[in-house]
Amino acid sequence: MNGQTNQNKMIRKKEKQLGPMIIDLTGPDGNAFALLGLANRLSKKFGIENPVDEMQKGDYEHLIKVFDNAFGDFVILER
């Protein structure tokens, strides 16, 4: 390295995200199983009623509608 300090320009420190969580429904986090798991975790974290049973009573559109109704104050869903 010829005595030079190695400064990595591609890796940064993880910063705490302020504001709502953003979920890209077209990516892996938008998968129905991922959203069901997140709903479980968030309902425990915020001490609210778990909507997973209701989320599973319909198709994918129903699932994201119920998720949004339950967690819309904390999570933004993007298509």
N, C-alpha and C. Protein backbone atom coordinates (compact mmCIF):
# COMPACT_ATOMS: atom_id res chain seq x y z
N MET A 1 0.81 -1.19 0.00
CA MET A 1 0.00 0.00 0.00
C MET A 1 0.85 1.25 0.00
N ASN A 2 2.11 1.13 0.00
CA ASN A 2 3.03 2.26 -0.10
C ASN A 2 2.82 3.31 0.98
N GLY A 3 2.45 2.91 2.21
CA GLY A 3 2.33 3.85 3.30
C GLY A 3 1.07 4.70 3.27
N GLN A 4 0.23 4.51 2.29
CA GLN A 4 -1.00 5.29 2.20
C GLN A 4 -2.10 4.59 3.00
N THR A 5 -2.97 5.38 3.58
CA THR A 5 -4.09 4.79 4.30
C THR A 5 -5.13 4.33 3.29
N ASN A 6 -5.72 3.19 3.58
CA ASN A 6 -6.74 2.64 2.70
C ASN A 6 -8.09 3.24 3.07
N GLN A 7 -8.59 4.11 2.26
CA GLN A 7 -9.89 4.70 2.49
C GLN A 7 -10.87 4.12 1.49
N ASN A 8 -11.77 3.31 2.01
CA ASN A 8 -12.74 2.66 1.16
C ASN A 8 -13.87 3.63 0.85
N LYS A 9 -14.07 3.93 -0.40
CA LYS A 9 -15.08 4.91 -0.80
C LYS A 9 -16.44 4.28 -1.08
N MET A 10 -16.53 2.95 -1.08
CA MET A 10 -17.78 2.28 -1.40
C MET A 10 -18.52 1.80 -0.16
N ILE A 11 -17.86 1.72 0.95
CA ILE A 11 -18.50 1.24 2.17
C ILE A 11 -18.68 2.41 3.12
N ARG A 12 -19.86 2.56 3.65
CA ARG A 12 -20.12 3.64 4.58
C ARG A 12 -20.69 3.06 5.87
N LYS A 13 -20.62 3.85 6.91
CA LYS A 13 -21.20 3.45 8.18
C LYS A 13 -22.71 3.41 8.06
N LYS A 14 -23.30 2.43 8.72
CA LYS A 14 -24.74 2.32 8.73
C LYS A 14 -25.32 3.47 9.54
N GLU A 15 -26.28 4.17 8.94
CA GLU A 15 -26.91 5.30 9.61
C GLU A 15 -28.31 4.91 10.03
N LYS A 16 -28.74 5.42 11.15
CA LYS A 16 -30.09 5.16 11.62
C LYS A 16 -31.06 5.86 10.69
N GLN A 17 -32.03 5.09 10.19
CA GLN A 17 -33.03 5.65 9.30
C GLN A 17 -34.07 6.39 10.12
N LEU A 18 -34.29 7.62 9.76
CA LEU A 18 -35.32 8.42 10.42
C LEU A 18 -36.57 8.39 9.57
N GLY A 19 -37.71 8.41 10.19
CA GLY A 19 -38.96 8.41 9.45
C GLY A 19 -39.44 7.01 9.17
N PRO A 20 -40.45 6.90 8.33
CA PRO A 20 -41.06 5.60 8.09
C PRO A 20 -40.16 4.67 7.29
N MET A 21 -40.37 3.37 7.47
CA MET A 21 -39.69 2.34 6.70
C MET A 21 -40.31 2.34 5.30
N ILE A 22 -39.50 2.13 4.28
CA ILE A 22 -40.00 2.09 2.90
C ILE A 22 -39.80 0.68 2.36
N ILE A 23 -40.89 0.08 1.86
CA ILE A 23 -40.84 -1.26 1.31
C ILE A 23 -41.14 -1.19 -0.18
N ASP A 24 -40.23 -1.71 -1.00
CA ASP A 24 -40.42 -1.79 -2.44
C ASP A 24 -41.16 -3.09 -2.73
N LEU A 25 -42.43 -2.99 -3.11
CA LEU A 25 -43.24 -4.18 -3.35
C LEU A 25 -42.77 -4.98 -4.55
N THR A 26 -41.95 -4.40 -5.42
CA THR A 26 -41.44 -5.12 -6.58
C THR A 26 -40.16 -5.89 -6.28
N GLY A 27 -39.61 -5.68 -5.08
CA GLY A 27 -38.38 -6.37 -4.69
C GLY A 27 -38.68 -7.50 -3.73
N PRO A 28 -37.62 -8.12 -3.22
CA PRO A 28 -37.80 -9.27 -2.32
C PRO A 28 -38.53 -8.94 -1.03
N ASP A 29 -38.45 -7.70 -0.57
CA ASP A 29 -39.17 -7.32 0.66
C ASP A 29 -40.67 -7.20 0.43
N GLY A 30 -41.09 -7.16 -0.83
CA GLY A 30 -42.50 -7.08 -1.16
C GLY A 30 -43.16 -8.43 -1.32
N ASN A 31 -42.38 -9.49 -1.18
CA ASN A 31 -42.90 -10.85 -1.23
C ASN A 31 -43.93 -11.04 -0.12
N ALA A 32 -45.01 -11.78 -0.39
CA ALA A 32 -46.08 -11.97 0.60
C ALA A 32 -45.53 -12.55 1.91
N PHE A 33 -44.64 -13.53 1.81
CA PHE A 33 -44.10 -14.14 3.03
C PHE A 33 -43.25 -13.15 3.82
N ALA A 34 -42.51 -12.29 3.11
CA ALA A 34 -41.71 -11.27 3.78
C ALA A 34 -42.61 -10.27 4.50
N LEU A 35 -43.72 -9.89 3.86
CA LEU A 35 -44.65 -8.94 4.48
C LEU A 35 -45.35 -9.56 5.68
N LEU A 36 -45.67 -10.86 5.61
CA LEU A 36 -46.28 -11.54 6.75
C LEU A 36 -45.32 -11.57 7.94
N GLY A 37 -44.06 -11.86 7.67
CA GLY A 37 -43.05 -11.88 8.73
C GLY A 37 -42.86 -10.50 9.33
N LEU A 38 -42.82 -9.48 8.48
CA LEU A 38 -42.66 -8.11 8.96
C LEU A 38 -43.87 -7.70 9.80
N ALA A 39 -45.06 -8.11 9.38
CA ALA A 39 -46.27 -7.80 10.15
C ALA A 39 -46.20 -8.41 11.54
N ASN A 40 -45.69 -9.63 11.63
CA ASN A 40 -45.51 -10.27 12.94
C ASN A 40 -44.58 -9.45 13.83
N ARG A 41 -43.43 -9.07 13.26
CA ARG A 41 -42.44 -8.33 14.04
C ARG A 41 -42.94 -6.95 14.45
N LEU A 42 -43.57 -6.23 13.51
CA LEU A 42 -44.03 -4.88 13.81
C LEU A 42 -45.17 -4.88 14.83
N SER A 43 -46.07 -5.85 14.72
CA SER A 43 -47.18 -5.88 15.68
C SER A 43 -46.67 -6.12 17.09
N LYS A 44 -45.62 -6.95 17.23
CA LYS A 44 -45.01 -7.15 18.56
C LYS A 44 -44.29 -5.88 19.01
N LYS A 45 -43.55 -5.27 18.09
CA LYS A 45 -42.77 -4.08 18.43
C LYS A 45 -43.66 -2.92 18.88
N PHE A 46 -44.77 -2.72 18.19
CA PHE A 46 -45.64 -1.59 18.48
C PHE A 46 -46.81 -1.95 19.40
N GLY A 47 -46.90 -3.22 19.77
CA GLY A 47 -47.96 -3.65 20.68
C GLY A 47 -49.36 -3.49 20.12
N ILE A 48 -49.49 -3.75 18.83
CA ILE A 48 -50.81 -3.66 18.21
C ILE A 48 -51.28 -5.05 17.79
N GLU A 49 -52.57 -5.14 17.48
CA GLU A 49 -53.14 -6.42 17.08
C GLU A 49 -52.47 -6.93 15.81
N ASN A 50 -52.13 -8.21 15.81
CA ASN A 50 -51.45 -8.81 14.68
C ASN A 50 -52.44 -9.05 13.53
N PRO A 51 -52.20 -8.46 12.35
CA PRO A 51 -53.15 -8.58 11.24
C PRO A 51 -52.89 -9.78 10.32
N VAL A 52 -51.97 -10.67 10.67
CA VAL A 52 -51.56 -11.74 9.76
C VAL A 52 -52.72 -12.63 9.34
N ASP A 53 -53.58 -13.01 10.27
CA ASP A 53 -54.71 -13.87 9.89
C ASP A 53 -55.58 -13.20 8.83
N GLU A 54 -55.87 -11.93 9.03
CA GLU A 54 -56.68 -11.19 8.04
C GLU A 54 -55.92 -11.03 6.72
N MET A 55 -54.61 -10.84 6.78
CA MET A 55 -53.80 -10.68 5.58
C MET A 55 -53.88 -11.92 4.69
N GLN A 56 -54.05 -13.09 5.30
CA GLN A 56 -54.04 -14.36 4.57
C GLN A 56 -55.42 -14.75 4.03
N LYS A 57 -56.43 -13.95 4.24
CA LYS A 57 -57.79 -14.30 3.82
C LYS A 57 -58.12 -13.94 2.38
N GLY A 58 -57.18 -13.40 1.65
CA GLY A 58 -57.46 -12.99 0.28
C GLY A 58 -56.23 -13.12 -0.59
N ASP A 59 -56.26 -12.40 -1.70
CA ASP A 59 -55.14 -12.42 -2.63
C ASP A 59 -54.06 -11.42 -2.18
N TYR A 60 -53.05 -11.24 -3.03
CA TYR A 60 -51.94 -10.35 -2.69
C TYR A 60 -52.40 -8.91 -2.48
N GLU A 61 -53.33 -8.44 -3.30
CA GLU A 61 -53.84 -7.08 -3.15
C GLU A 61 -54.51 -6.90 -1.79
N HIS A 62 -55.26 -7.92 -1.37
CA HIS A 62 -55.90 -7.87 -0.04
C HIS A 62 -54.82 -7.83 1.04
N LEU A 63 -53.79 -8.65 0.88
CA LEU A 63 -52.70 -8.71 1.86
C LEU A 63 -52.05 -7.34 2.04
N ILE A 64 -51.72 -6.66 0.94
CA ILE A 64 -51.04 -5.37 1.10
C ILE A 64 -52.00 -4.29 1.60
N LYS A 65 -53.29 -4.40 1.28
CA LYS A 65 -54.27 -3.44 1.79
C LYS A 65 -54.39 -3.56 3.31
N VAL A 66 -54.48 -4.80 3.81
CA VAL A 66 -54.57 -5.02 5.26
C VAL A 66 -53.28 -4.57 5.93
N PHE A 67 -52.13 -4.89 5.32
CA PHE A 67 -50.84 -4.46 5.86
C PHE A 67 -50.79 -2.95 5.96
N ASP A 68 -51.20 -2.27 4.90
CA ASP A 68 -51.17 -0.81 4.87
C ASP A 68 -52.12 -0.21 5.91
N ASN A 69 -53.28 -0.80 6.07
CA ASN A 69 -54.22 -0.32 7.09
C ASN A 69 -53.63 -0.45 8.49
N ALA A 70 -52.90 -1.53 8.73
CA ALA A 70 -52.34 -1.77 10.06
C ALA A 70 -51.08 -0.95 10.32
N PHE A 71 -50.23 -0.80 9.31
CA PHE A 71 -48.90 -0.21 9.53
C PHE A 71 -48.61 1.02 8.67
N GLY A 72 -49.63 1.60 8.07
CA GLY A 72 -49.43 2.74 7.18
C GLY A 72 -48.79 3.95 7.84
N ASP A 73 -48.90 4.04 9.17
CA ASP A 73 -48.26 5.15 9.89
C ASP A 73 -46.75 4.94 10.05
N PHE A 74 -46.30 3.68 9.88
CA PHE A 74 -44.90 3.34 10.13
C PHE A 74 -44.16 2.90 8.86
N VAL A 75 -44.92 2.46 7.85
CA VAL A 75 -44.33 1.84 6.66
C VAL A 75 -44.96 2.44 5.41
N ILE A 76 -44.12 2.78 4.44
CA ILE A 76 -44.58 3.24 3.14
C ILE A 76 -44.36 2.09 2.15
N LEU A 77 -45.43 1.70 1.45
CA LEU A 77 -45.33 0.66 0.41
C LEU A 77 -45.21 1.34 -0.94
N GLU A 78 -44.24 0.91 -1.73
CA GLU A 78 -44.03 1.48 -3.06
C GLU A 78 -44.14 0.38 -4.11
N ARG A 79 -44.74 0.72 -5.26
CA ARG A 79 -44.81 -0.22 -6.40
C ARG A 79 -43.84 0.20 -7.45
